[in-house]
Amino acid sequence: MSELRFTAEHEWLRVEQNGQVTVGITVFAQEALGDVVYVQLPELQTFSAYAEVSVVESVKAASSIYMPLDGEIVEVNAALSDTPELVNEAPLGDGWFFRFVPADPSQLAGLLDAAGYDQLISTQA
């Protein structure tokens, strides 16, 4: 988990070998949502940081997924359309939402590391 970066909106980011960044929601977020029943996947296009790009719905609530940095979404996890429960079963693995190419990869350094994210959620628990 040390290679992951996190947002205050409970998204995780992992830089892949090809420079793309995979995005999903954290264990904390999926536990708060409960059983995920639907995921609206984003369009393959360029978004600005903090733009709403996706929605995840659970038995408890609907929650927006935001673009963590400026960039172009180049792939979505189509498996979530048929099996949204992957978000609960493997939030840091097969339950990822999308991959994007960041406009400025150096901005990743400004996101939370694991220790910073743990501190954030300790104040919200």
C-alpha atoms as a PDB file:
ATOM      1  CA  MET A   1       0.000   0.000   0.000  1.00  0.00           C
ATOM      2  CA  SER A   2       2.994   2.316   0.362  1.00  0.00           C
ATOM      3  CA  GLU A   3       3.035   3.027  -3.394  1.00  0.00           C
ATOM      4  CA  LEU A   4      -0.514   4.392  -3.230  1.00  0.00           C
ATOM      5  CA  ARG A   5      -1.499   8.034  -2.943  1.00  0.00           C
ATOM      6  CA  PHE A   6      -4.814   9.193  -1.502  1.00  0.00           C
ATOM      7  CA  THR A   7      -7.239  12.106  -1.715  1.00  0.00           C
ATOM      8  CA  ALA A   8      -9.273  13.630   1.090  1.00  0.00           C
ATOM      9  CA  GLU A   9     -12.326  12.390  -0.886  1.00  0.00           C
ATOM     10  CA  HIS A  10     -11.259   8.780  -0.134  1.00  0.00           C
ATOM     11  CA  GLU A  11      -9.883   7.839  -3.525  1.00  0.00           C
ATOM     12  CA  TRP A  12      -6.645   5.928  -3.983  1.00  0.00           C
ATOM     13  CA  LEU A  13      -4.222   6.374  -6.877  1.00  0.00           C
ATOM     14  CA  ARG A  14      -1.519   4.036  -8.132  1.00  0.00           C
ATOM     15  CA  VAL A  15       0.988   4.995 -10.836  1.00  0.00           C
ATOM     16  CA  GLU A  16       1.387   2.149 -13.317  1.00  0.00           C
ATOM     17  CA  GLN A  17       4.576   1.308 -15.216  1.00  0.00           C
ATOM     18  CA  ASN A  18       3.257   3.014 -18.361  1.00  0.00           C
ATOM     19  CA  GLY A  19       2.723   6.292 -16.483  1.00  0.00           C
ATOM     20  CA  GLN A  20      -1.050   5.930 -16.329  1.00  0.00           C
ATOM     21  CA  VAL A  21      -2.702   6.330 -12.944  1.00  0.00           C
ATOM     22  CA  THR A  22      -5.313   3.850 -11.682  1.00  0.00           C
ATOM     23  CA  VAL A  23      -8.034   5.255  -9.407  1.00  0.00           C
ATOM     24  CA  GLY A  24     -10.441   3.545  -7.017  1.00  0.00           C
ATOM     25  CA  ILE A  25     -12.071   4.189  -3.673  1.00  0.00           C
ATOM     26  CA  THR A  26     -10.470   3.262  -0.389  1.00  0.00           C
ATOM     27  CA  VAL A  27     -11.413   0.471   1.988  1.00  0.00           C
ATOM     28  CA  PHE A  28     -12.676   3.165   4.380  1.00  0.00           C
ATOM     29  CA  ALA A  29     -14.972   4.599   1.681  1.00  0.00           C
ATOM     30  CA  GLN A  30     -16.442   1.290   0.539  1.00  0.00           C
ATOM     31  CA  GLU A  31     -17.073   0.245   4.155  1.00  0.00           C
ATOM     32  CA  ALA A  32     -18.892   3.541   4.780  1.00  0.00           C
ATOM     33  CA  LEU A  33     -20.995   3.057   1.635  1.00  0.00           C
ATOM     34  CA  GLY A  34     -21.989  -0.524   2.350  1.00  0.00           C
ATOM     35  CA  ASP A  35     -22.954  -2.918  -0.432  1.00  0.00           C
ATOM     36  CA  VAL A  36     -22.271  -1.271  -3.803  1.00  0.00           C
ATOM     37  CA  VAL A  37     -25.067  -1.930  -6.291  1.00  0.00           C
ATOM     38  CA  TYR A  38     -24.203   0.343  -9.237  1.00  0.00           C
ATOM     39  CA  VAL A  39     -21.239   2.223 -10.670  1.00  0.00           C
ATOM     40  CA  GLN A  40     -21.611   4.924 -13.317  1.00  0.00           C
ATOM     41  CA  LEU A  41     -18.285   4.895 -15.141  1.00  0.00           C
ATOM     42  CA  PRO A  42     -16.748   8.076 -16.549  1.00  0.00           C
ATOM     43  CA  GLU A  43     -16.408   9.060 -20.192  1.00  0.00           C
ATOM     44  CA  LEU A  44     -13.039   8.677 -21.912  1.00  0.00           C
ATOM     45  CA  GLN A  45     -12.106  12.342 -22.079  1.00  0.00           C
ATOM     46  CA  THR A  46     -10.065  15.066 -20.408  1.00  0.00           C
ATOM     47  CA  PHE A  47     -11.228  16.380 -17.037  1.00  0.00           C
ATOM     48  CA  SER A  48     -10.043  19.070 -14.663  1.00  0.00           C
ATOM     49  CA  ALA A  49      -9.069  18.198 -11.115  1.00  0.00           C
ATOM     50  CA  TYR A  50     -12.070  17.915  -8.754  1.00  0.00           C
ATOM     51  CA  ALA A  51     -14.578  17.438 -11.600  1.00  0.00           C
ATOM     52  CA  GLU A  52     -17.228  14.825 -10.833  1.00  0.00           C
ATOM     53  CA  VAL A  53     -16.477  11.950 -13.193  1.00  0.00           C
ATOM     54  CA  SER A  54     -18.334   8.967 -11.776  1.00  0.00           C
ATOM     55  CA  VAL A  55     -21.007   7.932  -9.295  1.00  0.00           C
ATOM     56  CA  VAL A  56     -21.101   4.897  -7.040  1.00  0.00           C
ATOM     57  CA  GLU A  57     -24.415   3.813  -5.544  1.00  0.00           C
ATOM     58  CA  SER A  58     -24.880   1.535  -2.570  1.00  0.00           C
ATOM     59  CA  VAL A  59     -27.768   0.294  -0.518  1.00  0.00           C
ATOM     60  CA  LYS A  60     -27.116   3.283   1.792  1.00  0.00           C
ATOM     61  CA  ALA A  61     -26.297   6.212  -0.493  1.00  0.00           C
ATOM     62  CA  ALA A  62     -24.911   7.531  -3.751  1.00  0.00           C
ATOM     63  CA  SER A  63     -21.492   9.134  -3.776  1.00  0.00           C
ATOM     64  CA  SER A  64     -19.557  11.081  -6.388  1.00  0.00           C
ATOM     65  CA  ILE A  65     -16.104  10.110  -7.586  1.00  0.00           C
ATOM     66  CA  TYR A  66     -13.909  13.061  -8.477  1.00  0.00           C
ATOM     67  CA  MET A  67     -11.006  13.493 -10.852  1.00  0.00           C
ATOM     68  CA  PRO A  68      -8.023  13.688  -8.513  1.00  0.00           C
ATOM     69  CA  LEU A  69      -5.796  15.714 -10.886  1.00  0.00           C
ATOM     70  CA  ASP A  70      -6.041  17.320 -14.313  1.00  0.00           C
ATOM     71  CA  GLY A  71      -5.775  14.605 -16.951  1.00  0.00           C
ATOM     72  CA  GLU A  72      -7.343  12.401 -19.592  1.00  0.00           C
ATOM     73  CA  ILE A  73      -9.272   9.264 -18.684  1.00  0.00           C
ATOM     74  CA  VAL A  74      -8.060   6.546 -21.040  1.00  0.00           C
ATOM     75  CA  GLU A  75      -9.644   3.391 -19.598  1.00  0.00           C
ATOM     76  CA  VAL A  76     -12.567   2.400 -17.393  1.00  0.00           C
ATOM     77  CA  ASN A  77     -13.145  -0.817 -15.488  1.00  0.00           C
ATOM     78  CA  ALA A  78     -16.017  -2.214 -17.569  1.00  0.00           C
ATOM     79  CA  ALA A  79     -16.302  -5.186 -15.191  1.00  0.00           C
ATOM     80  CA  LEU A  80     -17.968  -2.865 -12.667  1.00  0.00           C
ATOM     81  CA  SER A  81     -20.997  -2.506 -14.960  1.00  0.00           C
ATOM     82  CA  ASP A  82     -21.934  -6.161 -14.433  1.00  0.00           C
ATOM     83  CA  THR A  83     -20.288  -6.767 -11.056  1.00  0.00           C
ATOM     84  CA  PRO A  84     -20.307  -3.541  -9.007  1.00  0.00           C
ATOM     85  CA  GLU A  85     -19.726  -5.636  -5.880  1.00  0.00           C
ATOM     86  CA  LEU A  86     -16.048  -5.810  -6.910  1.00  0.00           C
ATOM     87  CA  VAL A  87     -15.760  -2.401  -5.237  1.00  0.00           C
ATOM     88  CA  ASN A  88     -16.575  -4.095  -1.905  1.00  0.00           C
ATOM     89  CA  GLU A  89     -14.729  -7.337  -2.563  1.00  0.00           C
ATOM     90  CA  ALA A  90     -11.444  -5.849  -3.802  1.00  0.00           C
ATOM     91  CA  PRO A  91     -11.435  -2.045  -3.434  1.00  0.00           C
ATOM     92  CA  LEU A  92      -7.643  -1.834  -3.876  1.00  0.00           C
ATOM     93  CA  GLY A  93      -7.573  -4.439  -6.658  1.00  0.00           C
ATOM     94  CA  ASP A  94     -10.213  -5.502  -9.184  1.00  0.00           C
ATOM     95  CA  GLY A  95     -12.623  -2.841  -7.895  1.00  0.00           C
ATOM     96  CA  TRP A  96     -10.735   0.062  -9.502  1.00  0.00           C
ATOM     97  CA  PHE A  97     -12.778   2.658 -11.411  1.00  0.00           C
ATOM     98  CA  PHE A  98     -10.628   4.235 -14.135  1.00  0.00           C
ATOM     99  CA  ARG A  99      -7.145   4.986 -15.428  1.00  0.00           C
ATOM    100  CA  PHE A 100      -5.952   8.379 -16.553  1.00  0.00           C
ATOM    101  CA  VAL A 101      -2.888  10.140 -17.905  1.00  0.00           C
ATOM    102  CA  PRO A 102      -2.087  13.091 -15.643  1.00  0.00           C
ATOM    103  CA  ALA A 103      -1.452  16.438 -17.313  1.00  0.00           C
ATOM    104  CA  ASP A 104       1.294  17.094 -14.747  1.00  0.00           C
ATOM    105  CA  PRO A 105       2.574  13.913 -13.034  1.00  0.00           C
ATOM    106  CA  SER A 106       4.483  15.977 -10.466  1.00  0.00           C
ATOM    107  CA  GLN A 107       1.118  16.872  -8.872  1.00  0.00           C
ATOM    108  CA  LEU A 108       0.920  13.316  -7.510  1.00  0.00           C
ATOM    109  CA  ALA A 109       3.466  14.329  -4.884  1.00  0.00           C
ATOM    110  CA  GLY A 110       0.904  16.725  -3.413  1.00  0.00           C
ATOM    111  CA  LEU A 111      -1.520  13.933  -2.538  1.00  0.00           C
ATOM    112  CA  LEU A 112      -1.623  12.093   0.774  1.00  0.00           C
ATOM    113  CA  ASP A 113       0.674   9.144   1.414  1.00  0.00           C
ATOM    114  CA  ALA A 114      -0.538   6.156   3.466  1.00  0.00           C
ATOM    115  CA  ALA A 115       0.432   7.743   6.792  1.00  0.00           C
ATOM    116  CA  GLY A 116      -1.297  10.998   5.903  1.00  0.00           C
ATOM    117  CA  TYR A 117      -4.444   9.174   4.818  1.00  0.00           C
ATOM    118  CA  ASP A 118      -4.481   7.078   7.992  1.00  0.00           C
ATOM    119  CA  GLN A 119      -4.283  10.280  10.004  1.00  0.00           C
ATOM    120  CA  LEU A 120      -7.162  11.767   7.999  1.00  0.00           C
ATOM    121  CA  ILE A 121      -9.492   8.831   8.537  1.00  0.00           C
ATOM    122  CA  SER A 122      -8.585   8.544  12.230  1.00  0.00           C
ATOM    123  CA  THR A 123     -10.255  11.917  12.716  1.00  0.00           C
ATOM    124  CA  GLN A 124     -13.372  10.783  10.801  1.00  0.00           C
ATOM    125  CA  ALA A 125     -13.916   7.407  12.451  1.00  0.00           C
END
